[in-house]
PDB file of N, CA and C in Angstrom:
ATOM      1  N   PRO A   1      13.957  -6.382  -0.663  1.00  0.00           N
ATOM      2  CA  PRO A   1      12.701  -6.112   0.027  1.00  0.00           C
ATOM      3  C   PRO A   1      11.592  -5.719  -0.949  1.00  0.00           C
ATOM      4  N   VAL A   2      10.372  -5.911  -0.530  1.00  0.00           N
ATOM      5  CA  VAL A   2       9.216  -5.525  -1.332  1.00  0.00           C
ATOM      6  C   VAL A   2       9.012  -4.022  -1.182  1.00  0.00           C
ATOM      7  N   THR A   3       8.923  -3.330  -2.314  1.00  0.00           N
ATOM      8  CA  THR A   3       8.661  -1.891  -2.317  1.00  0.00           C
ATOM      9  C   THR A   3       7.642  -1.577  -3.400  1.00  0.00           C
ATOM     10  N   VAL A   4       7.072  -0.385  -3.324  1.00  0.00           N
ATOM     11  CA  VAL A   4       6.212   0.117  -4.388  1.00  0.00           C
ATOM     12  C   VAL A   4       6.709   1.494  -4.783  1.00  0.00           C
ATOM     13  N   LEU A   5       6.437   1.843  -6.026  1.00  0.00           N
ATOM     14  CA  LEU A   5       6.782   3.182  -6.496  1.00  0.00           C
ATOM     15  C   LEU A   5       5.697   4.164  -6.087  1.00  0.00           C
ATOM     16  N   ASP A   6       6.075   5.422  -5.940  1.00  0.00           N
ATOM     17  CA  ASP A   6       5.093   6.442  -5.576  1.00  0.00           C
ATOM     18  C   ASP A   6       4.074   6.680  -6.687  1.00  0.00           C
ATOM     19  N   THR A   7       4.299   6.099  -7.855  1.00  0.00           N
ATOM     20  CA  THR A   7       3.351   6.222  -8.967  1.00  0.00           C
ATOM     21  C   THR A   7       2.453   4.989  -9.118  1.00  0.00           C
ATOM     22  N   ASP A   8       2.702   3.941  -8.324  1.00  0.00           N
ATOM     23  CA  ASP A   8       1.886   2.723  -8.391  1.00  0.00           C
ATOM     24  C   ASP A   8       0.473   2.992  -7.877  1.00  0.00           C
ATOM     25  N   LYS A   9      -0.468   2.220  -8.383  1.00  0.00           N
ATOM     26  CA  LYS A   9      -1.862   2.345  -7.941  1.00  0.00           C
ATOM     27  C   LYS A   9      -2.056   1.638  -6.604  1.00  0.00           C
ATOM     28  N   ILE A  10      -2.899   2.223  -5.772  1.00  0.00           N
ATOM     29  CA  ILE A  10      -3.153   1.683  -4.436  1.00  0.00           C
ATOM     30  C   ILE A  10      -3.772   0.291  -4.488  1.00  0.00           C
ATOM     31  N   GLU A  11      -4.424  -0.050  -5.579  1.00  0.00           N
ATOM     32  CA  GLU A  11      -5.092  -1.348  -5.705  1.00  0.00           C
ATOM     33  C   GLU A  11      -4.132  -2.534  -5.626  1.00  0.00           C
ATOM     34  N   ILE A  12      -2.846  -2.329  -5.893  1.00  0.00           N
ATOM     35  CA  ILE A  12      -1.889  -3.440  -5.830  1.00  0.00           C
ATOM     36  C   ILE A  12      -1.451  -3.767  -4.409  1.00  0.00           C
ATOM     37  N   LEU A  13      -1.664  -2.848  -3.479  1.00  0.00           N
ATOM     38  CA  LEU A  13      -1.139  -3.017  -2.128  1.00  0.00           C
ATOM     39  C   LEU A  13      -1.743  -4.180  -1.348  1.00  0.00           C
ATOM     40  N   PRO A  14      -3.062  -4.375  -1.342  1.00  0.00           N
ATOM     41  CA  PRO A  14      -3.590  -5.518  -0.573  1.00  0.00           C
ATOM     42  C   PRO A  14      -3.012  -6.865  -1.012  1.00  0.00           C
ATOM     43  N   GLU A  15      -2.834  -7.042  -2.303  1.00  0.00           N
ATOM     44  CA  GLU A  15      -2.268  -8.302  -2.802  1.00  0.00           C
ATOM     45  C   GLU A  15      -0.834  -8.490  -2.314  1.00  0.00           C
ATOM     46  N   LEU A  16      -0.028  -7.434  -2.353  1.00  0.00           N
ATOM     47  CA  LEU A  16       1.359  -7.527  -1.891  1.00  0.00           C
ATOM     48  C   LEU A  16       1.426  -7.830  -0.398  1.00  0.00           C
ATOM     49  N   ILE A  17       0.596  -7.154   0.374  1.00  0.00           N
ATOM     50  CA  ILE A  17       0.580  -7.374   1.821  1.00  0.00           C
ATOM     51  C   ILE A  17       0.211  -8.815   2.140  1.00  0.00           C
ATOM     52  N   SER A  18      -0.779  -9.332   1.448  1.00  0.00           N
ATOM     53  CA  SER A  18      -1.217 -10.709   1.673  1.00  0.00           C
ATOM     54  C   SER A  18      -0.173 -11.718   1.196  1.00  0.00           C
ATOM     55  N   LYS A  19       0.338 -11.517  -0.003  1.00  0.00           N
ATOM     56  CA  LYS A  19       1.283 -12.458  -0.607  1.00  0.00           C
ATOM     57  C   LYS A  19       2.563 -12.597   0.216  1.00  0.00           C
ATOM     58  N   TYR A  20       3.074 -11.473   0.729  1.00  0.00           N
ATOM     59  CA  TYR A  20       4.353 -11.487   1.439  1.00  0.00           C
ATOM     60  C   TYR A  20       4.202 -11.361   2.959  1.00  0.00           C
ATOM     61  N   ASP A  21       2.953 -11.394   3.459  1.00  0.00           N
ATOM     62  CA  ASP A  21       2.679 -11.314   4.893  1.00  0.00           C
ATOM     63  C   ASP A  21       3.372 -10.102   5.526  1.00  0.00           C
ATOM     64  N   LEU A  22       3.104  -8.931   4.965  1.00  0.00           N
ATOM     65  CA  LEU A  22       3.755  -7.694   5.382  1.00  0.00           C
ATOM     66  C   LEU A  22       2.898  -6.898   6.357  1.00  0.00           C
ATOM     67  N   LEU A  23       3.560  -6.066   7.144  1.00  0.00           N
ATOM     68  CA  LEU A  23       2.876  -5.105   8.003  1.00  0.00           C
ATOM     69  C   LEU A  23       2.989  -3.693   7.438  1.00  0.00           C
ATOM     70  N   SER A  24       3.966  -3.492   6.554  1.00  0.00           N
ATOM     71  CA  SER A  24       4.143  -2.198   5.904  1.00  0.00           C
ATOM     72  C   SER A  24       4.917  -2.397   4.606  1.00  0.00           C
ATOM     73  N   ILE A  25       4.818  -1.395   3.740  1.00  0.00           N
ATOM     74  CA  ILE A  25       5.534  -1.435   2.464  1.00  0.00           C
ATOM     75  C   ILE A  25       6.203  -0.083   2.248  1.00  0.00           C
ATOM     76  N   PRO A  26       7.521  -0.071   2.015  1.00  0.00           N
ATOM     77  CA  PRO A  26       8.192   1.186   1.704  1.00  0.00           C
ATOM     78  C   PRO A  26       7.754   1.712   0.333  1.00  0.00           C
ATOM     79  N   VAL A  27       7.575   3.019   0.265  1.00  0.00           N
ATOM     80  CA  VAL A  27       7.235   3.687  -0.991  1.00  0.00           C
ATOM     81  C   VAL A  27       8.473   4.450  -1.442  1.00  0.00           C
ATOM     82  N   ILE A  28       8.924   4.142  -2.670  1.00  0.00           N
ATOM     83  CA  ILE A  28      10.124   4.789  -3.197  1.00  0.00           C
ATOM     84  C   ILE A  28       9.789   5.566  -4.469  1.00  0.00           C
ATOM     85  N   ASN A  29      10.695   6.493  -4.827  1.00  0.00           N
ATOM     86  CA  ASN A  29      10.522   7.217  -6.085  1.00  0.00           C
ATOM     87  C   ASN A  29      11.372   6.554  -7.167  1.00  0.00           C
ATOM     88  N   GLU A  30      11.378   7.134  -8.348  1.00  0.00           N
ATOM     89  CA  GLU A  30      12.106   6.529  -9.473  1.00  0.00           C
ATOM     90  C   GLU A  30      13.617   6.493  -9.253  1.00  0.00           C
ATOM     91  N   GLN A  31      14.116   7.317  -8.333  1.00  0.00           N
ATOM     92  CA  GLN A  31      15.543   7.308  -7.995  1.00  0.00           C
ATOM     93  C   GLN A  31      15.839   6.346  -6.836  1.00  0.00           C
ATOM     94  N   HIS A  32      14.833   5.543  -6.464  1.00  0.00           N
ATOM     95  CA  HIS A  32      14.930   4.553  -5.384  1.00  0.00           C
ATOM     96  C   HIS A  32      15.172   5.194  -4.023  1.00  0.00           C
ATOM     97  N   GLN A  33      14.703   6.426  -3.856  1.00  0.00           N
ATOM     98  CA  GLN A  33      14.777   7.105  -2.563  1.00  0.00           C
ATOM     99  C   GLN A  33      13.460   6.890  -1.824  1.00  0.00           C
ATOM    100  N   LEU A  34      13.562   6.667  -0.530  1.00  0.00           N
ATOM    101  CA  LEU A  34      12.374   6.438   0.280  1.00  0.00           C
ATOM    102  C   LEU A  34      11.509   7.691   0.330  1.00  0.00           C
ATOM    103  N   GLU A  35      10.243   7.532   0.007  1.00  0.00           N
ATOM    104  CA  GLU A  35       9.279   8.632   0.054  1.00  0.00           C
ATOM    105  C   GLU A  35       8.364   8.501   1.268  1.00  0.00           C
ATOM    106  N   GLY A  36       8.177   7.268   1.753  1.00  0.00           N
ATOM    107  CA  GLY A  36       7.296   7.041   2.897  1.00  0.00           C
ATOM    108  C   GLY A  36       7.009   5.568   3.068  1.00  0.00           C
ATOM    109  N   MET A  37       6.048   5.290   3.939  1.00  0.00           N
ATOM    110  CA  MET A  37       5.655   3.911   4.229  1.00  0.00           C
ATOM    111  C   MET A  37       4.139   3.811   4.177  1.00  0.00           C
ATOM    112  N   VAL A  38       3.644   2.688   3.677  1.00  0.00           N
ATOM    113  CA  VAL A  38       2.216   2.387   3.731  1.00  0.00           C
ATOM    114  C   VAL A  38       2.059   1.263   4.747  1.00  0.00           C
ATOM    115  N   LEU A  39       1.216   1.491   5.744  1.00  0.00           N
ATOM    116  CA  LEU A  39       0.977   0.495   6.785  1.00  0.00           C
ATOM    117  C   LEU A  39      -0.266  -0.322   6.465  1.00  0.00           C
ATOM    118  N   VAL A  40      -0.315  -1.536   6.998  1.00  0.00           N
ATOM    119  CA  VAL A  40      -1.494  -2.383   6.828  1.00  0.00           C
ATOM    120  C   VAL A  40      -2.740  -1.621   7.275  1.00  0.00           C
ATOM    121  N   GLU A  41      -2.633  -0.870   8.361  1.00  0.00           N
ATOM    122  CA  GLU A  41      -3.771  -0.099   8.870  1.00  0.00           C
ATOM    123  C   GLU A  41      -4.282   0.888   7.824  1.00  0.00           C
ATOM    124  N   ASP A  42      -3.370   1.480   7.053  1.00  0.00           N
ATOM    125  CA  ASP A  42      -3.760   2.416   5.997  1.00  0.00           C
ATOM    126  C   ASP A  42      -4.595   1.715   4.934  1.00  0.00           C
ATOM    127  N   ILE A  43      -4.190   0.508   4.578  1.00  0.00           N
ATOM    128  CA  ILE A  43      -4.895  -0.253   3.542  1.00  0.00           C
ATOM    129  C   ILE A  43      -6.273  -0.670   4.038  1.00  0.00           C
ATOM    130  N   VAL A  44      -6.336  -1.180   5.266  1.00  0.00           N
ATOM    131  CA  VAL A  44      -7.616  -1.603   5.834  1.00  0.00           C
ATOM    132  C   VAL A  44      -8.572  -0.417   5.912  1.00  0.00           C
ATOM    133  N   GLU A  45      -8.075   0.716   6.368  1.00  0.00           N
ATOM    134  CA  GLU A  45      -8.907   1.921   6.467  1.00  0.00           C
ATOM    135  C   GLU A  45      -9.436   2.339   5.098  1.00  0.00           C
ATOM    136  N   ASP A  46      -8.579   2.299   4.088  1.00  0.00           N
ATOM    137  CA  ASP A  46      -8.999   2.666   2.734  1.00  0.00           C
ATOM    138  C   ASP A  46     -10.063   1.701   2.210  1.00  0.00           C
ATOM    139  N   LEU A  47      -9.866   0.409   2.437  1.00  0.00           N
ATOM    140  CA  LEU A  47     -10.849  -0.584   1.991  1.00  0.00           C
ATOM    141  C   LEU A  47     -12.196  -0.391   2.684  1.00  0.00           C
ATOM    142  N   LEU A  48     -12.162  -0.113   3.984  1.00  0.00           N
ATOM    143  CA  LEU A  48     -13.405   0.106   4.723  1.00  0.00           C
ATOM    144  C   LEU A  48     -14.112   1.370   4.254  1.00  0.00           C
ATOM    145  N   ASP A  49     -13.355   2.428   4.007  1.00  0.00           N
ATOM    146  CA  ASP A  49     -13.943   3.671   3.502  1.00  0.00           C
ATOM    147  C   ASP A  49     -14.604   3.448   2.151  1.00  0.00           C
ATOM    148  N   ASN A  50     -13.956   2.671   1.293  1.00  0.00           N
ATOM    149  CA  ASN A  50     -14.518   2.391  -0.031  1.00  0.00           C
ATOM    150  C   ASN A  50     -15.804   1.580   0.080  1.00  0.00           C
ATOM    151  N   ARG A  51     -15.853   0.636   0.995  1.00  0.00           N
ATOM    152  CA  ARG A  51     -17.065  -0.173   1.177  1.00  0.00           C
ATOM    153  C   ARG A  51     -18.210   0.686   1.700  1.00  0.00           C
ATOM    154  N   LYS A  52     -17.906   1.571   2.644  1.00  0.00           N
ATOM    155  CA  LYS A  52     -18.941   2.438   3.206  1.00  0.00           C
ATOM    156  C   LYS A  52     -19.528   3.351   2.142  1.00  0.00           C
ATOM    157  N   SER A  53     -18.682   3.839   1.250  1.00  0.00           N
ATOM    158  CA  SER A  53     -19.164   4.759   0.218  1.00  0.00           C
ATOM    159  C   SER A  53     -20.026   4.043  -0.822  1.00  0.00           C
ATOM    160  N   LYS A  54     -19.901   2.725  -0.930  1.00  0.00           N
ATOM    161  CA  LYS A  54     -20.692   1.959  -1.897  1.00  0.00           C
ATOM    162  C   LYS A  54     -22.039   1.520  -1.325  1.00  0.00           C
ATOM    163  N   ILE A  55     -22.200   1.653  -0.016  1.00  0.00           N
ATOM    164  CA  ILE A  55     -23.461   1.228   0.621  1.00  0.00           C
ATOM    165  C   ILE A  55     -24.514   2.305   0.446  1.00  0.00           C
TER     166      ILE A  55
END
């Protein structure tokens, strides 16, 4: 499965979601333990917030 590390930058998430047609991505630590999930909604919200702050 597609996962990201808890130390990865948020900027990689939109590309992964698009490339693999995902609705969520598990976030794991260096010991491969689940730390949480990032949802598509989280990414969209972050992108919209960033656009608003640039206006």
